[in-house]
Amino acid sequence: MTRFADTKVATREGGIETLPEAPFLYVPLSAHRGHFARPVVQAGDRVLKHQLIARADDPFSAHVHAPVSGHVAGIREITEPDGTRVPVLMLRNDFEGACAASSDVWEGDPPPEAIADLLAEAGLVGEGGAQFPTALKYRSAGQHASAFIVNGAECEPYLTADYALMRERTAALFEGIRLVNTLLRARDVVIVIEDHNRDLEAVFAPYLAQECYAGYRVQILTEGYPQGSARQVVLAVTGRELAPSLHPSAEGFVVSNVGTVVAACRALKERLPVVTRIVTVSGEGAGEGGNYDVPIGTPVGHLLGLHGVSPRRHTIVLGGPMMGRPVTDWTTPVAKGSGGILVLPRESVTQENCIGCARCVEACPMRLMPLKYDEGWRRSDPGMLKRYRLDACIECGACEYSCPANVPLMASIKAGKALIRGEKS
């Protein structure tokens, strides 16, 4: 596992705050890779907060709801780092905060058979980054899962959004776990945290003592990156190493990020869709930074402008420093899977050709050969990329971090996966 200097201290102790809303929002219509929701509104329409504005057309997409009230300004496309064009729906905020009428709230708990449908209705996707539709994940596991693992291992540097959520919204976290597990019926319910967050054990203790949460346990993971990835978490909790072709849910191991579980609580108890998320703003150029409850679709530039950040002096990363992506367009929006916005020093880096040292191979937690992905992408050879199991790459970035030649391995990995997807389409 890769270890980093303590870059979390700047934002770890502060509470979750709110900031002034942006006048324009760019709400992503994408969920899991290559799957988009279909708009059900058009330019000029007035929408209310929580109103459905785009409908999922397939199981791998997710419903999208208005994060603010206002008017639809249109649809545009933004470019992902791998060159993929993805649509966003532009909303002009009227700052009135008028909400759509919510569906009737259940008296008591919703029946287990209704839970997946309610989560799909609320537009839940994994908040850890992959944005896989939550209802589909839970359905694929079926009932009587072996383990329900609630992932609070926030192992990337700088990010503390999940820690803040666990500390401040503990009641919603535990209720979300309980409600989801009425569907999963997992025998083992585990909340995973890192050892530098042991103070959360005292926060969790009053809940673990309650009868309705009997049998839940906390497991401490040794610090290191990428310890928080689903496969590494399953290995740490169960001792089982999954083959790259096996999805944890299909094997009865359901791993959900803590933010996803809190969102599930709101969807199941209050019938509220996902329209905000907690985001860490941090990095050497972000001043004090902090953790903020941000409407989905908020432009990166709006948040950084509130922190006095200049785009000319810094590198801006959406997500964490390892798995995040550099952004140059300040209208790039916060998505449901965006855990951070980092303001890092702009450095002049000299890139060299691969020197064959194999440090990327040593660093890879999936035992892959990342140097072959750069070669395969440059050759435009999808066959080579598949032979070296690019599909098993979890995009943790440990290979690029360890590369002494500064080969842009993550760019070639993302572009290589797009190359394979294009071959299949």
Protein backbone atom coordinates (compact mmCIF):
# COMPACT_ATOMS: atom_id res chain seq x y z
CA MET A 1 0.00 0.00 0.00
CA THR A 2 1.17 3.52 -0.80
CA ARG A 3 1.50 5.95 2.13
CA PHE A 4 1.27 9.72 1.93
CA ALA A 5 2.08 12.69 4.11
CA ASP A 6 -0.79 13.94 6.28
CA THR A 7 -2.62 16.27 3.91
CA LYS A 8 -6.00 15.91 5.62
CA VAL A 9 -5.36 18.06 8.67
CA ALA A 10 -6.41 21.30 6.96
CA THR A 11 -10.05 20.22 6.56
CA ARG A 12 -10.45 17.35 9.03
CA GLU A 13 -11.63 19.26 12.09
CA GLY A 14 -14.08 21.74 10.55
CA GLY A 15 -17.79 21.08 10.25
CA ILE A 16 -19.86 20.62 7.11
CA GLU A 17 -20.74 24.07 5.77
CA THR A 18 -22.88 25.55 3.03
CA LEU A 19 -21.84 28.25 0.57
CA PRO A 20 -23.77 30.73 -1.59
CA GLU A 21 -25.33 28.93 -4.55
CA ALA A 22 -24.15 29.42 -8.13
CA PRO A 23 -26.31 31.48 -10.54
CA PHE A 24 -25.90 28.77 -13.22
CA LEU A 25 -25.66 25.03 -12.66
CA TYR A 26 -24.55 22.38 -15.15
CA VAL A 27 -26.27 19.20 -14.01
CA PRO A 28 -24.61 16.02 -15.37
CA LEU A 29 -26.89 13.58 -17.16
CA SER A 30 -24.36 10.75 -16.94
CA ALA A 31 -24.20 8.02 -14.31
CA HIS A 32 -22.05 4.94 -14.88
CA ARG A 33 -19.68 5.22 -17.84
CA GLY A 34 -21.37 5.71 -21.16
CA HIS A 35 -24.90 5.70 -19.75
CA PHE A 36 -27.02 8.84 -19.74
CA ALA A 37 -30.43 9.96 -18.55
CA ARG A 38 -32.91 11.39 -21.07
CA PRO A 39 -34.08 14.97 -20.38
CA VAL A 40 -37.81 15.34 -19.71
CA VAL A 41 -37.69 19.15 -19.68
CA GLN A 42 -36.67 21.63 -22.36
CA ALA A 43 -35.20 25.11 -22.67
CA GLY A 44 -37.42 27.73 -21.08
CA ASP A 45 -39.19 25.37 -18.67
CA ARG A 46 -39.37 26.41 -15.03
CA VAL A 47 -38.38 23.62 -12.68
CA LEU A 48 -38.66 23.16 -8.93
CA LYS A 49 -36.01 21.79 -6.61
CA HIS A 50 -36.24 17.96 -6.41
CA GLN A 51 -38.24 17.80 -9.68
CA LEU A 52 -37.31 15.00 -12.09
CA ILE A 53 -35.49 16.60 -15.03
CA ALA A 54 -33.98 13.54 -16.75
CA ARG A 55 -35.15 9.93 -16.73
CA ALA A 56 -32.99 6.80 -16.72
CA ASP A 57 -33.48 4.84 -19.91
CA ASP A 58 -31.50 1.75 -18.93
CA PRO A 59 -30.46 -0.01 -15.69
CA PHE A 60 -26.97 1.55 -15.77
CA SER A 61 -28.20 5.14 -15.88
CA ALA A 62 -29.92 7.06 -13.08
CA HIS A 63 -32.70 9.59 -12.72
CA VAL A 64 -31.58 13.22 -12.39
CA HIS A 65 -33.41 15.82 -10.29
CA ALA A 66 -33.18 19.59 -10.14
CA PRO A 67 -30.81 20.72 -7.36
CA VAL A 68 -32.33 24.22 -7.32
CA SER A 69 -35.45 25.93 -8.61
CA GLY A 70 -35.12 28.02 -11.75
CA HIS A 71 -35.32 27.80 -15.54
CA VAL A 72 -33.81 25.38 -18.02
CA ALA A 73 -31.28 27.24 -20.16
CA GLY A 74 -30.52 24.34 -22.48
CA ILE A 75 -28.22 21.33 -22.87
CA ARG A 76 -24.53 21.41 -23.68
CA GLU A 77 -21.69 18.91 -23.74
CA ILE A 78 -18.47 18.85 -21.77
CA THR A 79 -15.37 16.83 -22.60
CA GLU A 80 -14.06 14.20 -20.21
CA PRO A 81 -10.25 13.63 -19.95
CA ASP A 82 -10.50 10.56 -22.18
CA GLY A 83 -12.17 12.63 -24.89
CA THR A 84 -15.69 11.40 -24.18
CA ARG A 85 -18.37 14.03 -24.68
CA VAL A 86 -21.04 13.96 -21.98
CA PRO A 87 -24.22 16.05 -21.76
CA VAL A 88 -25.13 18.46 -18.96
CA LEU A 89 -28.42 20.26 -18.43
CA MET A 90 -27.99 23.97 -17.73
CA LEU A 91 -30.18 25.53 -15.06
CA ARG A 92 -30.52 29.24 -14.31
CA ASN A 93 -30.97 29.49 -10.54
CA ASP A 94 -33.83 31.74 -9.40
CA PHE A 95 -32.64 31.51 -5.75
CA GLU A 96 -36.23 30.95 -4.59
CA GLY A 97 -35.62 27.37 -3.45
CA ALA A 98 -39.18 26.34 -4.32
CA CYS A 99 -39.49 22.56 -3.94
CA ALA A 100 -41.56 20.05 -5.85
CA ALA A 101 -44.13 18.21 -3.78
CA SER A 102 -42.56 15.06 -2.39
CA SER A 103 -44.16 11.66 -2.59
CA ASP A 104 -46.00 10.37 0.43
CA VAL A 105 -43.59 9.40 3.19
CA TRP A 106 -43.90 5.86 4.53
CA GLU A 107 -45.34 5.40 7.97
CA GLY A 108 -42.65 3.26 9.48
CA ASP A 109 -40.11 1.47 7.33
CA PRO A 110 -40.82 0.85 3.64
CA PRO A 111 -41.27 -2.85 2.82
CA PRO A 112 -38.06 -4.56 1.67
CA GLU A 113 -39.48 -5.22 -1.80
CA ALA A 114 -39.97 -1.45 -2.30
CA ILE A 115 -36.47 -0.34 -1.29
CA ALA A 116 -34.62 -0.84 -4.58
CA ASP A 117 -37.39 0.93 -6.50
CA LEU A 118 -37.33 3.87 -4.08
CA LEU A 119 -33.56 4.21 -4.41
CA ALA A 120 -33.82 4.12 -8.20
CA GLU A 121 -36.58 6.72 -8.05
CA ALA A 122 -34.29 8.98 -6.01
CA GLY A 123 -31.44 8.68 -8.52
CA LEU A 124 -28.92 7.08 -6.15
CA VAL A 125 -25.53 6.13 -7.53
CA GLY A 126 -22.34 5.21 -5.74
CA GLU A 127 -20.84 8.37 -4.25
CA GLY A 128 -17.38 6.83 -4.03
CA GLY A 129 -16.64 7.78 -7.63
CA ALA A 130 -17.77 5.07 -10.05
CA GLN A 131 -21.43 6.26 -9.91
CA PHE A 132 -22.78 2.74 -10.41
CA PRO A 133 -26.58 2.80 -9.86
CA THR A 134 -27.20 1.78 -6.25
CA ALA A 135 -30.50 0.02 -6.87
CA LEU A 136 -28.88 -2.18 -9.53
CA LYS A 137 -26.02 -3.08 -7.17
CA TYR A 138 -28.43 -4.09 -4.40
CA ARG A 139 -30.67 -6.03 -6.76
CA SER A 140 -27.70 -7.95 -8.19
CA ALA A 141 -26.72 -9.04 -4.69
CA GLY A 142 -30.23 -10.27 -3.93
CA GLN A 143 -31.37 -11.07 -0.43
CA HIS A 144 -29.25 -12.80 2.18
CA ALA A 145 -25.96 -11.16 1.17
CA SER A 146 -22.90 -12.50 2.95
CA ALA A 147 -21.66 -9.09 4.06
CA PHE A 148 -22.80 -5.50 3.85
CA ILE A 149 -19.66 -3.38 4.03
CA VAL A 150 -20.13 0.34 4.58
CA ASN A 151 -16.98 1.93 3.26
CA GLY A 152 -15.63 4.89 5.21
CA ALA A 153 -12.01 4.27 4.20
CA GLU A 154 -11.22 7.59 2.56
CA CYS A 155 -7.66 6.74 1.66
CA GLU A 156 -6.83 9.40 -0.96
CA PRO A 157 -4.81 12.38 0.29
CA TYR A 158 -6.62 15.65 1.14
CA LEU A 159 -10.15 14.22 1.14
CA THR A 160 -12.13 14.33 4.41
CA ALA A 161 -15.73 14.59 3.17
CA ASP A 162 -16.62 11.04 4.25
CA TYR A 163 -15.01 11.54 7.64
CA ALA A 164 -17.05 14.71 8.20
CA LEU A 165 -20.21 12.91 7.09
CA MET A 166 -19.65 10.00 9.48
CA ARG A 167 -18.94 12.36 12.37
CA GLU A 168 -21.82 14.80 11.82
CA ARG A 169 -24.56 12.70 10.23
CA THR A 170 -24.10 9.56 12.23
CA ALA A 171 -27.80 8.98 12.90
CA ALA A 172 -28.60 9.05 9.17
CA LEU A 173 -25.67 6.71 8.49
CA PHE A 174 -26.90 4.06 10.92
CA GLU A 175 -30.52 4.37 9.83
CA GLY A 176 -29.45 4.06 6.20
CA ILE A 177 -27.51 0.89 7.02
CA ARG A 178 -30.48 -0.59 8.85
CA LEU A 179 -32.99 0.22 6.11
CA VAL A 180 -30.82 -1.06 3.27
CA ASN A 181 -30.10 -4.25 5.17
CA THR A 182 -33.81 -5.02 5.43
CA LEU A 183 -33.41 -5.70 1.70
CA LEU A 184 -29.95 -7.30 1.71
CA ARG A 185 -30.35 -9.28 4.97
CA ALA A 186 -26.59 -9.54 5.28
CA ARG A 187 -25.35 -11.69 8.13
CA ASP A 188 -22.29 -9.48 8.64
CA VAL A 189 -22.66 -5.68 8.70
CA VAL A 190 -19.32 -3.88 8.87
CA ILE A 191 -18.42 -0.19 8.94
CA VAL A 192 -14.88 0.23 7.69
CA ILE A 193 -12.72 3.17 8.78
CA GLU A 194 -9.00 3.90 8.67
CA ASP A 195 -6.83 3.76 11.76
CA HIS A 196 -6.20 7.52 11.82
CA ASN A 197 -9.97 7.97 12.24
CA ARG A 198 -10.26 5.87 15.40
CA ASP A 199 -11.97 8.79 17.13
CA LEU A 200 -15.09 7.76 15.21
CA GLU A 201 -15.36 4.66 17.40
CA ALA A 202 -16.51 6.90 20.24
CA VAL A 203 -18.99 8.63 17.90
CA PHE A 204 -20.39 5.27 16.78
CA ALA A 205 -20.51 3.68 20.27
CA PRO A 206 -23.96 5.00 21.36
CA TYR A 207 -25.49 3.67 18.13
CA LEU A 208 -23.77 0.29 18.28
CA ALA A 209 -25.24 -0.12 21.76
CA GLN A 210 -28.81 0.19 20.44
CA GLU A 211 -30.80 -2.98 19.90
CA CYS A 212 -31.86 -2.00 16.36
CA TYR A 213 -28.19 -1.96 15.33
CA ALA A 214 -27.22 -5.12 17.19
CA GLY A 215 -24.48 -7.11 15.49
CA TYR A 216 -23.05 -4.19 13.52
CA ARG A 217 -19.31 -3.86 13.93
CA VAL A 218 -16.50 -1.49 13.07
CA GLN A 219 -13.32 -2.68 11.39
CA ILE A 220 -10.17 -0.58 11.40
CA LEU A 221 -8.03 -0.72 8.28
CA THR A 222 -4.33 0.00 8.23
CA GLU A 223 -3.61 3.25 6.44
CA GLY A 224 -2.45 2.97 2.87
CA TYR A 225 -3.58 3.57 -0.67
CA PRO A 226 -5.67 2.14 -2.35
CA GLN A 227 -6.99 0.36 0.76
CA GLY A 228 -10.39 1.97 0.26
CA SER A 229 -11.16 0.39 -3.11
CA ALA A 230 -13.99 -2.16 -3.03
CA ARG A 231 -11.85 -5.20 -3.77
CA GLN A 232 -9.23 -4.31 -1.18
CA VAL A 233 -11.95 -3.64 1.40
CA VAL A 234 -13.55 -7.04 0.71
CA LEU A 235 -10.15 -8.70 1.08
CA ALA A 236 -9.48 -6.91 4.38
CA VAL A 237 -12.91 -7.67 5.85
CA THR A 238 -13.54 -11.20 4.58
CA GLY A 239 -10.08 -12.51 3.69
CA ARG A 240 -11.38 -13.32 0.21
CA GLU A 241 -9.50 -12.10 -2.86
CA LEU A 242 -11.89 -11.80 -5.77
CA ALA A 243 -10.94 -12.63 -9.33
CA PRO A 244 -10.91 -9.51 -11.57
CA SER A 245 -13.89 -10.84 -13.52
CA LEU A 246 -16.05 -11.10 -10.37
CA HIS A 247 -18.03 -8.15 -9.09
CA PRO A 248 -18.20 -8.12 -5.26
CA SER A 249 -22.01 -7.81 -5.26
CA ALA A 250 -22.36 -10.89 -7.44
CA GLU A 251 -20.44 -12.83 -4.79
CA GLY A 252 -22.64 -11.59 -1.97
CA PHE A 253 -20.33 -8.82 -0.76
CA VAL A 254 -22.08 -5.46 -1.01
CA VAL A 255 -19.77 -2.46 -0.59
CA SER A 256 -21.35 0.98 -0.34
CA ASN A 257 -19.71 4.32 0.33
CA VAL A 258 -20.91 6.08 3.50
CA GLY A 259 -22.28 8.97 1.43
CA THR A 260 -24.40 6.57 -0.59
CA VAL A 261 -25.86 5.07 2.58
CA VAL A 262 -26.71 8.48 4.03
CA ALA A 263 -28.39 9.41 0.74
CA ALA A 264 -30.31 6.13 0.93
CA CYS A 265 -31.60 7.10 4.37
CA ARG A 266 -32.97 10.39 3.02
CA ALA A 267 -34.53 8.64 0.04
CA LEU A 268 -36.21 5.96 2.18
CA LYS A 269 -37.23 8.03 5.20
CA GLU A 270 -38.04 11.38 3.57
CA ARG A 271 -38.48 10.41 -0.10
CA LEU A 272 -35.85 12.99 -1.11
CA PRO A 273 -33.81 12.55 -4.31
CA VAL A 274 -30.07 13.08 -4.56
CA VAL A 275 -29.47 16.75 -5.33
CA THR A 276 -26.45 17.58 -3.14
CA ARG A 277 -23.28 15.95 -1.87
CA ILE A 278 -20.41 16.72 0.52
CA VAL A 279 -17.27 17.96 -1.24
CA THR A 280 -13.81 18.64 0.21
CA VAL A 281 -12.15 21.81 -1.09
CA SER A 282 -8.48 21.58 -0.20
CA GLY A 283 -4.91 21.78 -1.45
CA GLU A 284 -2.04 24.18 -1.03
CA GLY A 285 -3.80 26.91 -3.01
CA ALA A 286 -7.24 26.62 -1.39
CA GLY A 287 -6.54 28.56 1.79
CA GLU A 288 -8.29 26.97 4.76
CA GLY A 289 -10.60 24.96 2.52
CA GLY A 290 -13.31 22.86 4.11
CA ASN A 291 -16.14 20.40 3.58
CA TYR A 292 -19.25 21.78 1.93
CA ASP A 293 -22.76 20.52 1.16
CA VAL A 294 -22.93 21.44 -2.52
CA PRO A 295 -25.76 21.23 -5.08
CA ILE A 296 -25.04 18.74 -7.86
CA GLY A 297 -24.10 20.69 -10.99
CA THR A 298 -22.30 23.51 -9.18
CA PRO A 299 -19.41 24.70 -11.40
CA VAL A 300 -15.92 24.15 -10.03
CA GLY A 301 -15.15 27.79 -10.82
CA HIS A 302 -17.95 29.04 -8.57
CA LEU A 303 -16.60 27.19 -5.53
CA LEU A 304 -13.01 28.20 -6.20
CA GLY A 305 -13.99 31.79 -6.83
CA LEU A 306 -15.42 31.88 -3.31
CA HIS A 307 -11.98 30.76 -2.11
CA GLY A 308 -10.11 33.38 -4.14
CA VAL A 309 -8.38 30.83 -6.36
CA SER A 310 -6.72 31.91 -9.60
CA PRO A 311 -6.76 29.32 -12.43
CA ARG A 312 -3.48 30.64 -13.82
CA ARG A 313 -1.45 29.77 -10.73
CA HIS A 314 -2.81 26.35 -9.84
CA THR A 315 -3.70 22.92 -11.12
CA ILE A 316 -7.34 22.12 -10.37
CA VAL A 317 -8.33 18.50 -9.79
CA LEU A 318 -11.93 17.26 -9.51
CA GLY A 319 -11.85 14.31 -7.12
CA GLY A 320 -8.78 13.08 -5.26
CA PRO A 321 -5.17 13.55 -6.35
CA MET A 322 -4.88 9.89 -7.39
CA MET A 323 -8.17 9.04 -9.10
CA GLY A 324 -9.39 12.56 -9.83
CA ARG A 325 -9.03 14.41 -13.11
CA PRO A 326 -7.46 17.77 -13.90
CA VAL A 327 -9.96 20.34 -15.14
CA THR A 328 -9.32 23.47 -17.15
CA ASP A 329 -12.92 24.40 -17.90
CA TRP A 330 -14.27 26.16 -14.81
CA THR A 331 -17.84 25.31 -15.75
CA THR A 332 -17.01 21.64 -15.09
CA PRO A 333 -19.66 20.58 -12.57
CA VAL A 334 -19.71 18.73 -9.28
CA ALA A 335 -21.28 15.32 -9.97
CA LYS A 336 -22.81 12.75 -7.65
CA GLY A 337 -19.46 10.97 -7.46
CA SER A 338 -17.26 14.05 -6.90
CA GLY A 339 -15.64 13.87 -3.47
CA GLY A 340 -13.22 16.77 -3.75
CA ILE A 341 -11.93 19.82 -5.55
CA LEU A 342 -8.20 20.25 -5.07
CA VAL A 343 -6.09 23.34 -5.71
CA LEU A 344 -2.54 22.13 -6.21
CA PRO A 345 0.69 23.91 -7.17
CA ARG A 346 1.22 24.13 -10.88
CA GLU A 347 4.45 22.28 -11.61
CA SER A 348 6.53 21.93 -14.71
CA VAL A 349 6.95 18.19 -15.22
CA THR A 350 9.26 16.65 -17.79
CA GLN A 351 7.78 13.45 -19.18
CA GLU A 352 10.02 10.72 -20.52
CA ASN A 353 9.39 7.52 -22.37
CA CYS A 354 8.95 4.42 -20.25
CA ILE A 355 12.32 3.29 -18.89
CA GLY A 356 11.13 -0.25 -18.13
CA CYS A 357 11.81 -0.08 -14.39
CA ALA A 358 8.53 -1.90 -13.57
CA ARG A 359 7.80 0.26 -10.53
CA CYS A 360 4.25 0.63 -11.84
CA VAL A 361 3.93 -3.16 -11.77
CA GLU A 362 5.14 -3.29 -8.16
CA ALA A 363 2.69 -0.55 -7.16
CA CYS A 364 -0.39 -2.07 -8.82
CA PRO A 365 -2.76 -3.61 -6.25
CA MET A 366 -4.39 -5.69 -9.00
CA ARG A 367 -1.06 -7.23 -10.10
CA LEU A 368 -1.31 -5.79 -13.61
CA MET A 369 1.31 -4.37 -16.00
CA PRO A 370 0.41 -0.68 -16.48
CA LEU A 371 3.42 0.00 -18.70
CA LYS A 372 1.76 -2.16 -21.34
CA TYR A 373 -1.32 0.04 -21.31
CA ASP A 374 0.63 3.09 -22.40
CA GLU A 375 2.20 1.04 -25.18
CA GLY A 376 -1.11 -0.48 -26.27
CA TRP A 377 -2.87 2.87 -26.32
CA ARG A 378 -0.11 4.54 -28.38
CA ARG A 379 -0.35 1.65 -30.86
CA SER A 380 -4.17 1.93 -30.93
CA ASP A 381 -4.17 -1.80 -30.22
CA PRO A 382 -7.28 -2.87 -28.28
CA GLY A 383 -6.23 -6.50 -28.55
CA MET A 384 -3.05 -5.79 -26.60
CA LEU A 385 -4.97 -3.83 -23.97
CA LYS A 386 -7.34 -6.76 -23.49
CA ARG A 387 -4.50 -9.31 -23.34
CA TYR A 388 -2.98 -7.38 -20.45
CA ARG A 389 -6.40 -7.20 -18.69
CA LEU A 390 -7.00 -3.47 -18.83
CA ASP A 391 -10.61 -4.22 -17.82
CA ALA A 392 -9.31 -5.28 -14.38
CA CYS A 393 -7.68 -1.89 -13.72
CA ILE A 394 -9.43 0.02 -10.90
CA GLU A 395 -7.85 3.34 -11.98
CA CYS A 396 -6.35 3.98 -8.54
CA GLY A 397 -3.40 5.93 -9.99
CA ALA A 398 -0.76 4.16 -7.91
CA CYS A 399 1.15 3.32 -11.11
CA GLU A 400 1.45 6.92 -12.26
CA TYR A 401 2.33 8.11 -8.75
CA SER A 402 5.23 5.65 -8.61
CA CYS A 403 6.55 6.28 -12.16
CA PRO A 404 9.99 7.98 -12.10
CA ALA A 405 9.65 8.89 -15.81
CA ASN A 406 6.34 10.74 -15.30
CA VAL A 407 4.65 8.68 -18.00
CA PRO A 408 0.96 9.77 -18.09
CA LEU A 409 -0.30 6.27 -17.34
CA MET A 410 -3.75 7.32 -16.15
CA ALA A 411 -4.44 9.18 -19.38
CA SER A 412 -3.49 6.11 -21.41
CA ILE A 413 -5.56 3.84 -19.15
CA LYS A 414 -8.69 5.98 -19.50
CA ALA A 415 -8.16 6.44 -23.24
CA GLY A 416 -7.42 2.72 -23.64
CA LYS A 417 -10.70 1.78 -21.97
CA ALA A 418 -12.50 4.21 -24.27
CA LEU A 419 -10.74 2.53 -27.21
CA ILE A 420 -12.03 -0.88 -26.12
CA ARG A 421 -15.54 0.48 -25.56
CA GLY A 422 -15.47 2.01 -29.05
CA GLU A 423 -14.48 -1.34 -30.53
CA LYS A 424 -17.45 -3.02 -28.82
CA SER A 425 -20.01 -0.40 -29.85
